[in-house]
PDB file of N, CA and C in Angstrom:
ATOM      1  N   MET A   1     -36.946  33.905 -69.371  1.00  0.00           N
ATOM      2  CA  MET A   1     -36.032  32.619 -68.991  1.00  0.00           C
ATOM      3  C   MET A   1     -34.998  32.994 -67.931  1.00  0.00           C
ATOM      4  N   LYS A   2     -34.113  33.777 -68.093  1.00  0.00           N
ATOM      5  CA  LYS A   2     -32.557  33.715 -67.418  1.00  0.00           C
ATOM      6  C   LYS A   2     -33.535  34.148 -65.953  1.00  0.00           C
ATOM      7  N   ASN A   3     -34.530  34.940 -65.735  1.00  0.00           N
ATOM      8  CA  ASN A   3     -35.466  35.507 -64.170  1.00  0.00           C
ATOM      9  C   ASN A   3     -35.419  34.306 -63.755  1.00  0.00           C
ATOM     10  N   LYS A   4     -36.146  32.975 -64.114  1.00  0.00           N
ATOM     11  CA  LYS A   4     -36.381  32.123 -63.672  1.00  0.00           C
ATOM     12  C   LYS A   4     -35.810  31.307 -63.213  1.00  0.00           C
ATOM     13  N   LYS A   5     -34.712  30.730 -64.264  1.00  0.00           N
ATOM     14  CA  LYS A   5     -33.079  30.608 -63.792  1.00  0.00           C
ATOM     15  C   LYS A   5     -32.696  30.826 -62.104  1.00  0.00           C
ATOM     16  N   LYS A   6     -32.704  32.090 -62.490  1.00  0.00           N
ATOM     17  CA  LYS A   6     -32.278  33.024 -61.356  1.00  0.00           C
ATOM     18  C   LYS A   6     -33.173  32.427 -60.011  1.00  0.00           C
ATOM     19  N   GLU A   7     -34.322  32.412 -60.193  1.00  0.00           N
ATOM     20  CA  GLU A   7     -35.291  32.544 -58.977  1.00  0.00           C
ATOM     21  C   GLU A   7     -34.923  30.898 -58.731  1.00  0.00           C
ATOM     22  N   LYS A   8     -35.013  30.196 -59.623  1.00  0.00           N
ATOM     23  CA  LYS A   8     -34.670  28.652 -59.444  1.00  0.00           C
ATOM     24  C   LYS A   8     -32.980  28.904 -58.289  1.00  0.00           C
ATOM     25  N   GLN A   9     -32.422  29.354 -58.652  1.00  0.00           N
ATOM     26  CA  GLN A   9     -31.454  28.747 -58.099  1.00  0.00           C
ATOM     27  C   GLN A   9     -31.196  29.964 -56.772  1.00  0.00           C
ATOM     28  N   ASP A  10     -31.364  30.896 -56.970  1.00  0.00           N
ATOM     29  CA  ASP A  10     -31.685  31.636 -55.982  1.00  0.00           C
ATOM     30  C   ASP A  10     -32.730  30.818 -54.174  1.00  0.00           C
ATOM     31  N   GLY A  11     -33.573  29.655 -54.838  1.00  0.00           N
ATOM     32  CA  GLY A  11     -34.484  28.999 -54.102  1.00  0.00           C
ATOM     33  C   GLY A  11     -33.536  27.898 -53.681  1.00  0.00           C
ATOM     34  N   PHE A  12     -32.951  27.355 -54.303  1.00  0.00           N
ATOM     35  CA  PHE A  12     -31.916  26.553 -53.972  1.00  0.00           C
ATOM     36  C   PHE A  12     -30.907  26.509 -53.275  1.00  0.00           C
ATOM     37  N   LEU A  13     -30.431  28.023 -53.406  1.00  0.00           N
ATOM     38  CA  LEU A  13     -29.323  28.218 -52.437  1.00  0.00           C
ATOM     39  C   LEU A  13     -29.487  28.707 -51.092  1.00  0.00           C
ATOM     40  N   LYS A  14     -30.723  28.953 -51.013  1.00  0.00           N
ATOM     41  CA  LYS A  14     -31.452  29.230 -49.821  1.00  0.00           C
ATOM     42  C   LYS A  14     -31.828  28.092 -48.982  1.00  0.00           C
ATOM     43  N   GLU A  15     -32.266  27.356 -49.737  1.00  0.00           N
ATOM     44  CA  GLU A  15     -32.717  25.436 -48.986  1.00  0.00           C
ATOM     45  C   GLU A  15     -31.563  24.785 -48.645  1.00  0.00           C
ATOM     46  N   ILE A  16     -30.248  24.986 -49.578  1.00  0.00           N
ATOM     47  CA  ILE A  16     -29.178  24.368 -48.732  1.00  0.00           C
ATOM     48  C   ILE A  16     -28.483  25.308 -47.784  1.00  0.00           C
ATOM     49  N   LEU A  17     -28.624  26.450 -47.690  1.00  0.00           N
ATOM     50  CA  LEU A  17     -28.143  26.842 -46.449  1.00  0.00           C
ATOM     51  C   LEU A  17     -28.880  26.938 -45.189  1.00  0.00           C
ATOM     52  N   SER A  18     -30.195  27.258 -45.369  1.00  0.00           N
ATOM     53  CA  SER A  18     -30.974  26.588 -44.286  1.00  0.00           C
ATOM     54  C   SER A  18     -31.144  25.453 -43.711  1.00  0.00           C
ATOM     55  N   GLU A  19     -30.836  24.065 -44.777  1.00  0.00           N
ATOM     56  CA  GLU A  19     -30.296  22.925 -44.013  1.00  0.00           C
ATOM     57  C   GLU A  19     -28.921  23.055 -42.956  1.00  0.00           C
ATOM     58  N   LEU A  20     -28.210  23.693 -43.539  1.00  0.00           N
ATOM     59  CA  LEU A  20     -26.590  23.577 -43.043  1.00  0.00           C
ATOM     60  C   LEU A  20     -26.973  24.292 -41.642  1.00  0.00           C
ATOM     61  N   GLY A  21     -27.422  25.402 -42.105  1.00  0.00           N
ATOM     62  CA  GLY A  21     -27.401  26.196 -40.452  1.00  0.00           C
ATOM     63  C   GLY A  21     -28.183  25.300 -39.446  1.00  0.00           C
ATOM     64  N   GLY A  22     -29.264  24.432 -40.055  1.00  0.00           N
ATOM     65  CA  GLY A  22     -29.843  23.392 -39.180  1.00  0.00           C
ATOM     66  C   GLY A  22     -29.252  22.411 -38.644  1.00  0.00           C
ATOM     67  N   TYR A  23     -28.138  22.307 -39.129  1.00  0.00           N
ATOM     68  CA  TYR A  23     -27.279  21.077 -38.926  1.00  0.00           C
ATOM     69  C   TYR A  23     -26.568  21.559 -38.190  1.00  0.00           C
ATOM     70  N   ILE A  24     -25.665  22.770 -38.488  1.00  0.00           N
ATOM     71  CA  ILE A  24     -24.692  23.446 -37.248  1.00  0.00           C
ATOM     72  C   ILE A  24     -25.435  23.539 -36.220  1.00  0.00           C
ATOM     73  N   LEU A  25     -26.383  23.622 -36.134  1.00  0.00           N
ATOM     74  CA  LEU A  25     -27.186  24.463 -34.806  1.00  0.00           C
ATOM     75  C   LEU A  25     -27.215  23.140 -34.098  1.00  0.00           C
ATOM     76  N   ILE A  26     -27.701  22.070 -34.551  1.00  0.00           N
ATOM     77  CA  ILE A  26     -28.077  20.504 -34.078  1.00  0.00           C
ATOM     78  C   ILE A  26     -26.635  20.269 -33.426  1.00  0.00           C
ATOM     79  N   GLU A  27     -25.853  20.286 -34.081  1.00  0.00           N
ATOM     80  CA  GLU A  27     -24.367  19.432 -34.248  1.00  0.00           C
ATOM     81  C   GLU A  27     -23.816  20.529 -32.772  1.00  0.00           C
ATOM     82  N   ILE A  28     -23.943  22.038 -33.119  1.00  0.00           N
ATOM     83  CA  ILE A  28     -23.177  22.553 -31.333  1.00  0.00           C
ATOM     84  C   ILE A  28     -24.394  22.261 -30.356  1.00  0.00           C
ATOM     85  N   VAL A  29     -25.452  22.073 -30.370  1.00  0.00           N
ATOM     86  CA  VAL A  29     -26.760  21.814 -29.233  1.00  0.00           C
ATOM     87  C   VAL A  29     -25.887  20.490 -28.961  1.00  0.00           C
ATOM     88  N   TRP A  30     -25.858  18.908 -29.766  1.00  0.00           N
ATOM     89  CA  TRP A  30     -25.393  18.068 -29.101  1.00  0.00           C
ATOM     90  C   TRP A  30     -24.116  17.802 -28.650  1.00  0.00           C
ATOM     91  N   ASN A  31     -22.905  18.835 -28.993  1.00  0.00           N
ATOM     92  CA  ASN A  31     -21.522  18.984 -28.513  1.00  0.00           C
ATOM     93  C   ASN A  31     -21.564  19.387 -27.196  1.00  0.00           C
ATOM     94  N   ILE A  32     -22.670  20.644 -26.661  1.00  0.00           N
ATOM     95  CA  ILE A  32     -22.861  21.015 -25.367  1.00  0.00           C
ATOM     96  C   ILE A  32     -23.176  19.730 -24.684  1.00  0.00           C
ATOM     97  N   ILE A  33     -24.325  19.016 -24.658  1.00  0.00           N
ATOM     98  CA  ILE A  33     -25.061  18.544 -24.478  1.00  0.00           C
ATOM     99  C   ILE A  33     -23.752  16.862 -23.643  1.00  0.00           C
ATOM    100  N   TRP A  34     -23.076  16.497 -24.688  1.00  0.00           N
ATOM    101  CA  TRP A  34     -22.228  15.524 -24.932  1.00  0.00           C
ATOM    102  C   TRP A  34     -21.397  16.340 -23.835  1.00  0.00           C
ATOM    103  N   ASN A  35     -20.325  17.084 -23.567  1.00  0.00           N
ATOM    104  CA  ASN A  35     -19.770  17.971 -22.876  1.00  0.00           C
ATOM    105  C   ASN A  35     -20.007  17.848 -21.630  1.00  0.00           C
ATOM    106  N   ILE A  36     -21.531  18.199 -21.359  1.00  0.00           N
ATOM    107  CA  ILE A  36     -22.215  18.522 -19.675  1.00  0.00           C
ATOM    108  C   ILE A  36     -22.130  16.626 -19.358  1.00  0.00           C
ATOM    109  N   LEU A  37     -22.606  15.980 -20.039  1.00  0.00           N
ATOM    110  CA  LEU A  37     -22.541  14.402 -19.798  1.00  0.00           C
ATOM    111  C   LEU A  37     -21.229  14.022 -19.317  1.00  0.00           C
ATOM    112  N   LEU A  38     -20.313  14.419 -20.283  1.00  0.00           N
ATOM    113  CA  LEU A  38     -18.988  13.249 -20.146  1.00  0.00           C
ATOM    114  C   LEU A  38     -18.455  14.474 -18.459  1.00  0.00           C
ATOM    115  N   PHE A  39     -18.973  15.597 -18.145  1.00  0.00           N
ATOM    116  CA  PHE A  39     -17.999  16.769 -16.773  1.00  0.00           C
ATOM    117  C   PHE A  39     -18.684  16.065 -15.908  1.00  0.00           C
ATOM    118  N   ILE A  40     -20.244  15.867 -15.651  1.00  0.00           N
ATOM    119  CA  ILE A  40     -20.687  15.277 -14.411  1.00  0.00           C
ATOM    120  C   ILE A  40     -19.146  13.855 -13.689  1.00  0.00           C
ATOM    121  N   PRO A  41     -19.333  13.290 -14.367  1.00  0.00           N
ATOM    122  CA  PRO A  41     -18.555  12.132 -13.760  1.00  0.00           C
ATOM    123  C   PRO A  41     -17.561  12.258 -13.913  1.00  0.00           C
ATOM    124  N   ARG A  42     -16.442  13.192 -14.442  1.00  0.00           N
ATOM    125  CA  ARG A  42     -15.529  13.656 -14.104  1.00  0.00           C
ATOM    126  C   ARG A  42     -15.355  14.329 -12.750  1.00  0.00           C
ATOM    127  N   MET A  43     -16.359  15.291 -12.431  1.00  0.00           N
ATOM    128  CA  MET A  43     -16.527  15.804 -11.015  1.00  0.00           C
ATOM    129  C   MET A  43     -16.675  14.656 -10.158  1.00  0.00           C
ATOM    130  N   ILE A  44     -17.177  13.714 -10.367  1.00  0.00           N
ATOM    131  CA  ILE A  44     -17.746  12.798  -9.109  1.00  0.00           C
ATOM    132  C   ILE A  44     -16.487  12.107  -8.860  1.00  0.00           C
ATOM    133  N   ILE A  45     -15.631  11.815 -10.115  1.00  0.00           N
ATOM    134  CA  ILE A  45     -14.180  11.025  -9.664  1.00  0.00           C
ATOM    135  C   ILE A  45     -13.474  12.023  -9.411  1.00  0.00           C
ATOM    136  N   ARG A  46     -13.226  13.436  -9.044  1.00  0.00           N
ATOM    137  CA  ARG A  46     -12.163  14.162  -8.778  1.00  0.00           C
ATOM    138  C   ARG A  46     -12.692  14.394  -7.156  1.00  0.00           C
ATOM    139  N   LEU A  47     -14.310  14.330  -7.101  1.00  0.00           N
ATOM    140  CA  LEU A  47     -14.523  14.622  -5.463  1.00  0.00           C
ATOM    141  C   LEU A  47     -14.450  13.560  -4.913  1.00  0.00           C
ATOM    142  N   ILE A  48     -14.541  11.966  -5.392  1.00  0.00           N
ATOM    143  CA  ILE A  48     -14.086  10.890  -4.352  1.00  0.00           C
ATOM    144  C   ILE A  48     -12.695  11.257  -4.008  1.00  0.00           C
ATOM    145  N   LYS A  49     -11.997  11.131  -5.160  1.00  0.00           N
ATOM    146  CA  LYS A  49     -10.294  11.334  -5.067  1.00  0.00           C
ATOM    147  C   LYS A  49      -9.900  12.098  -3.897  1.00  0.00           C
ATOM    148  N   SER A  50     -10.577  13.235  -4.130  1.00  0.00           N
ATOM    149  CA  SER A  50     -10.082  13.947  -2.861  1.00  0.00           C
ATOM    150  C   SER A  50     -10.358  14.174  -1.765  1.00  0.00           C
ATOM    151  N   ILE A  51     -11.586  12.975  -1.427  1.00  0.00           N
ATOM    152  CA  ILE A  51     -12.114  12.957  -0.462  1.00  0.00           C
ATOM    153  C   ILE A  51     -11.206  11.775  -0.073  1.00  0.00           C
ATOM    154  N   TRP A  52     -11.079  10.665  -0.898  1.00  0.00           N
ATOM    155  CA  TRP A  52      -9.665   9.676   0.010  1.00  0.00           C
ATOM    156  C   TRP A  52      -8.876  10.108  -0.200  1.00  0.00           C
TER     157      TRP A  52
END
């Protein structure tokens, strides 16, 4: 019975870690995309200000 409980706990922990890892990966990608989207308008505004 102890072996079965350990196997279930290991599977549960591995499942949580894999979901958490996927969530962290999605957060990192989302932050990169968001920073790029915010960076482009700032560059355009700086370009216009430098021309005028």
